[in-house]
Amino acid sequence: MKNYITHSESIEWKPLLEGGVDTKGIFIKVLRYDEEAKRAPAFLLKFEAGASYPYHNHPAGEEAFVLEGEVFFNDTKLTQGDYLYTPPTFKHAVKTETGCVLFFRVPQEVEIIQ
């Protein structure tokens, strides 16, 4: 059982770094890392007030849960306790005015849309 538990409170927030993407003010805690895919399909993101993530596509969909604060997916506002499922090929941007912490499950890498 111990190999399947992540104690997220003991993980430090790290800046989210993605080549060619402005991720200023966004921090990540990886909850599960897939060695075969070489990526994290489950993670927490913390957005500082005013932070945003650009318009992008989810080839395999995503799940998001708002743990703290409020956030906009496109023009739709979500607040603490809200859950969002987006189907495959769903496109959106993410932004927050006040800051937030979100849980994400993203089965496949996103594609930034220029």
C-alpha atoms as a PDB file:
ATOM      1  CA  MET A   1       0.000   0.000   0.000  1.00  0.00           C
ATOM      2  CA  LYS A   2       2.798   2.446   0.843  1.00  0.00           C
ATOM      3  CA  ASN A   3       3.958   2.466  -2.791  1.00  0.00           C
ATOM      4  CA  TYR A   4       0.574   3.835  -3.894  1.00  0.00           C
ATOM      5  CA  ILE A   5       0.208   6.753  -1.471  1.00  0.00           C
ATOM      6  CA  THR A   6       1.404  10.293  -2.117  1.00  0.00           C
ATOM      7  CA  HIS A   7       1.581  12.613   0.886  1.00  0.00           C
ATOM      8  CA  SER A   8       1.004  15.870  -0.987  1.00  0.00           C
ATOM      9  CA  GLU A   9       1.517  18.033   2.097  1.00  0.00           C
ATOM     10  CA  SER A  10       5.150  16.870   2.263  1.00  0.00           C
ATOM     11  CA  ILE A  11       5.856  17.837  -1.371  1.00  0.00           C
ATOM     12  CA  GLU A  12       7.126  21.344  -2.090  1.00  0.00           C
ATOM     13  CA  TRP A  13       5.490  23.452  -4.783  1.00  0.00           C
ATOM     14  CA  LYS A  14       7.769  23.770  -7.814  1.00  0.00           C
ATOM     15  CA  PRO A  15       7.425  26.267 -10.663  1.00  0.00           C
ATOM     16  CA  LEU A  16       5.630  24.748 -13.643  1.00  0.00           C
ATOM     17  CA  LEU A  17       8.119  24.773 -16.517  1.00  0.00           C
ATOM     18  CA  GLU A  18       7.050  24.073 -20.087  1.00  0.00           C
ATOM     19  CA  GLY A  19       9.134  25.026 -23.088  1.00  0.00           C
ATOM     20  CA  GLY A  20       7.671  27.918 -25.051  1.00  0.00           C
ATOM     21  CA  VAL A  21       4.727  28.403 -22.647  1.00  0.00           C
ATOM     22  CA  ASP A  22       4.305  31.335 -20.253  1.00  0.00           C
ATOM     23  CA  THR A  23       3.692  29.612 -16.916  1.00  0.00           C
ATOM     24  CA  LYS A  24       4.641  32.521 -14.640  1.00  0.00           C
ATOM     25  CA  GLY A  25       2.784  32.270 -11.350  1.00  0.00           C
ATOM     26  CA  ILE A  26       1.879  28.582 -11.757  1.00  0.00           C
ATOM     27  CA  PHE A  27       3.294  25.901  -9.456  1.00  0.00           C
ATOM     28  CA  ILE A  28       3.001  22.107  -9.498  1.00  0.00           C
ATOM     29  CA  LYS A  29       2.992  19.136  -7.150  1.00  0.00           C
ATOM     30  CA  VAL A  30       3.196  15.813  -8.983  1.00  0.00           C
ATOM     31  CA  LEU A  31       0.950  13.210  -7.379  1.00  0.00           C
ATOM     32  CA  ARG A  32       1.683  10.358  -9.770  1.00  0.00           C
ATOM     33  CA  TYR A  33       4.392  10.001 -12.404  1.00  0.00           C
ATOM     34  CA  ASP A  34       4.018   7.512 -15.265  1.00  0.00           C
ATOM     35  CA  GLU A  35       7.498   6.166 -16.044  1.00  0.00           C
ATOM     36  CA  GLU A  36       6.383   4.614 -19.335  1.00  0.00           C
ATOM     37  CA  ALA A  37       4.812   7.824 -20.654  1.00  0.00           C
ATOM     38  CA  LYS A  38       7.485  10.026 -18.982  1.00  0.00           C
ATOM     39  CA  ARG A  39       4.851  12.438 -17.650  1.00  0.00           C
ATOM     40  CA  ALA A  40       2.567  13.096 -14.711  1.00  0.00           C
ATOM     41  CA  PRO A  41      -1.097  12.245 -15.371  1.00  0.00           C
ATOM     42  CA  ALA A  42      -2.211  13.368 -11.880  1.00  0.00           C
ATOM     43  CA  PHE A  43      -1.031  16.593 -10.244  1.00  0.00           C
ATOM     44  CA  LEU A  44      -1.937  19.692  -8.292  1.00  0.00           C
ATOM     45  CA  LEU A  45      -1.502  23.166  -9.754  1.00  0.00           C
ATOM     46  CA  LYS A  46      -1.404  26.362  -7.729  1.00  0.00           C
ATOM     47  CA  PHE A  47      -2.103  29.577  -9.637  1.00  0.00           C
ATOM     48  CA  GLU A  48      -1.112  32.892  -8.078  1.00  0.00           C
ATOM     49  CA  ALA A  49      -3.562  35.767  -8.493  1.00  0.00           C
ATOM     50  CA  GLY A  50      -3.567  36.886 -12.143  1.00  0.00           C
ATOM     51  CA  ALA A  51      -1.859  33.739 -13.490  1.00  0.00           C
ATOM     52  CA  SER A  52      -3.097  32.040 -16.640  1.00  0.00           C
ATOM     53  CA  TYR A  53      -2.404  29.040 -18.873  1.00  0.00           C
ATOM     54  CA  PRO A  54      -2.837  29.531 -22.637  1.00  0.00           C
ATOM     55  CA  TYR A  55      -5.520  28.122 -24.925  1.00  0.00           C
ATOM     56  CA  HIS A  56      -4.856  24.416 -25.445  1.00  0.00           C
ATOM     57  CA  ASN A  57      -6.335  21.115 -26.600  1.00  0.00           C
ATOM     58  CA  HIS A  58      -6.835  17.965 -24.519  1.00  0.00           C
ATOM     59  CA  PRO A  59      -6.509  15.035 -26.971  1.00  0.00           C
ATOM     60  CA  ALA A  60      -7.670  12.557 -24.300  1.00  0.00           C
ATOM     61  CA  GLY A  61      -9.804  14.902 -22.178  1.00  0.00           C
ATOM     62  CA  GLU A  62      -9.162  15.941 -18.579  1.00  0.00           C
ATOM     63  CA  GLU A  63     -10.649  16.097 -15.118  1.00  0.00           C
ATOM     64  CA  ALA A  64     -10.228  19.090 -12.812  1.00  0.00           C
ATOM     65  CA  PHE A  65     -11.349  19.730  -9.242  1.00  0.00           C
ATOM     66  CA  VAL A  66     -11.122  23.124  -7.523  1.00  0.00           C
ATOM     67  CA  LEU A  67      -9.609  22.680  -4.059  1.00  0.00           C
ATOM     68  CA  GLU A  68      -9.210  26.379  -3.214  1.00  0.00           C
ATOM     69  CA  GLY A  69     -10.118  29.724  -4.759  1.00  0.00           C
ATOM     70  CA  GLU A  70     -11.781  30.414  -8.063  1.00  0.00           C
ATOM     71  CA  VAL A  71     -10.751  29.920 -11.667  1.00  0.00           C
ATOM     72  CA  PHE A  72     -12.063  30.494 -15.179  1.00  0.00           C
ATOM     73  CA  PHE A  73     -12.006  27.785 -17.835  1.00  0.00           C
ATOM     74  CA  ASN A  74     -12.626  29.961 -20.887  1.00  0.00           C
ATOM     75  CA  ASP A  75     -15.427  32.248 -19.609  1.00  0.00           C
ATOM     76  CA  THR A  76     -16.906  29.786 -17.098  1.00  0.00           C
ATOM     77  CA  LYS A  77     -16.120  30.445 -13.440  1.00  0.00           C
ATOM     78  CA  LEU A  78     -15.511  27.507 -11.112  1.00  0.00           C
ATOM     79  CA  THR A  79     -15.160  27.805  -7.332  1.00  0.00           C
ATOM     80  CA  GLN A  80     -14.056  25.582  -4.461  1.00  0.00           C
ATOM     81  CA  GLY A  81     -15.689  22.155  -4.697  1.00  0.00           C
ATOM     82  CA  ASP A  82     -16.479  22.352  -8.428  1.00  0.00           C
ATOM     83  CA  TYR A  83     -15.516  19.431 -10.684  1.00  0.00           C
ATOM     84  CA  LEU A  84     -14.970  19.714 -14.429  1.00  0.00           C
ATOM     85  CA  TYR A  85     -14.742  16.894 -16.944  1.00  0.00           C
ATOM     86  CA  THR A  86     -13.709  17.843 -20.461  1.00  0.00           C
ATOM     87  CA  PRO A  87     -14.099  15.249 -23.223  1.00  0.00           C
ATOM     88  CA  PRO A  88     -11.353  14.381 -25.712  1.00  0.00           C
ATOM     89  CA  THR A  89     -10.356  17.235 -28.051  1.00  0.00           C
ATOM     90  CA  PHE A  90     -11.876  19.878 -25.747  1.00  0.00           C
ATOM     91  CA  LYS A  91     -10.074  23.228 -25.996  1.00  0.00           C
ATOM     92  CA  HIS A  92      -9.843  25.971 -23.385  1.00  0.00           C
ATOM     93  CA  ALA A  93      -7.643  28.449 -21.520  1.00  0.00           C
ATOM     94  CA  VAL A  94      -7.336  28.750 -17.733  1.00  0.00           C
ATOM     95  CA  LYS A  95      -7.028  31.944 -15.706  1.00  0.00           C
ATOM     96  CA  THR A  96      -7.611  33.199 -12.185  1.00  0.00           C
ATOM     97  CA  GLU A  97      -7.989  36.677 -10.785  1.00  0.00           C
ATOM     98  CA  THR A  98      -7.711  35.678  -7.111  1.00  0.00           C
ATOM     99  CA  GLY A  99      -5.534  32.549  -7.135  1.00  0.00           C
ATOM    100  CA  CYS A 100      -6.513  28.896  -6.797  1.00  0.00           C
ATOM    101  CA  VAL A 101      -5.365  25.321  -6.215  1.00  0.00           C
ATOM    102  CA  LEU A 102      -6.611  22.657  -8.612  1.00  0.00           C
ATOM    103  CA  PHE A 103      -6.357  18.879  -8.901  1.00  0.00           C
ATOM    104  CA  PHE A 104      -5.926  17.621 -12.465  1.00  0.00           C
ATOM    105  CA  ARG A 105      -6.065  14.239 -14.117  1.00  0.00           C
ATOM    106  CA  VAL A 106      -4.747  14.610 -17.661  1.00  0.00           C
ATOM    107  CA  PRO A 107      -4.302  11.231 -19.401  1.00  0.00           C
ATOM    108  CA  GLN A 108      -2.393  12.605 -22.407  1.00  0.00           C
ATOM    109  CA  GLU A 109      -0.129  15.652 -22.918  1.00  0.00           C
ATOM    110  CA  VAL A 110      -1.930  18.852 -23.905  1.00  0.00           C
ATOM    111  CA  GLU A 111      -1.326  20.664 -27.192  1.00  0.00           C
ATOM    112  CA  ILE A 112      -0.853  24.443 -27.024  1.00  0.00           C
ATOM    113  CA  ILE A 113      -2.842  26.274 -29.701  1.00  0.00           C
ATOM    114  CA  GLN A 114      -1.074  29.354 -31.066  1.00  0.00           C
END
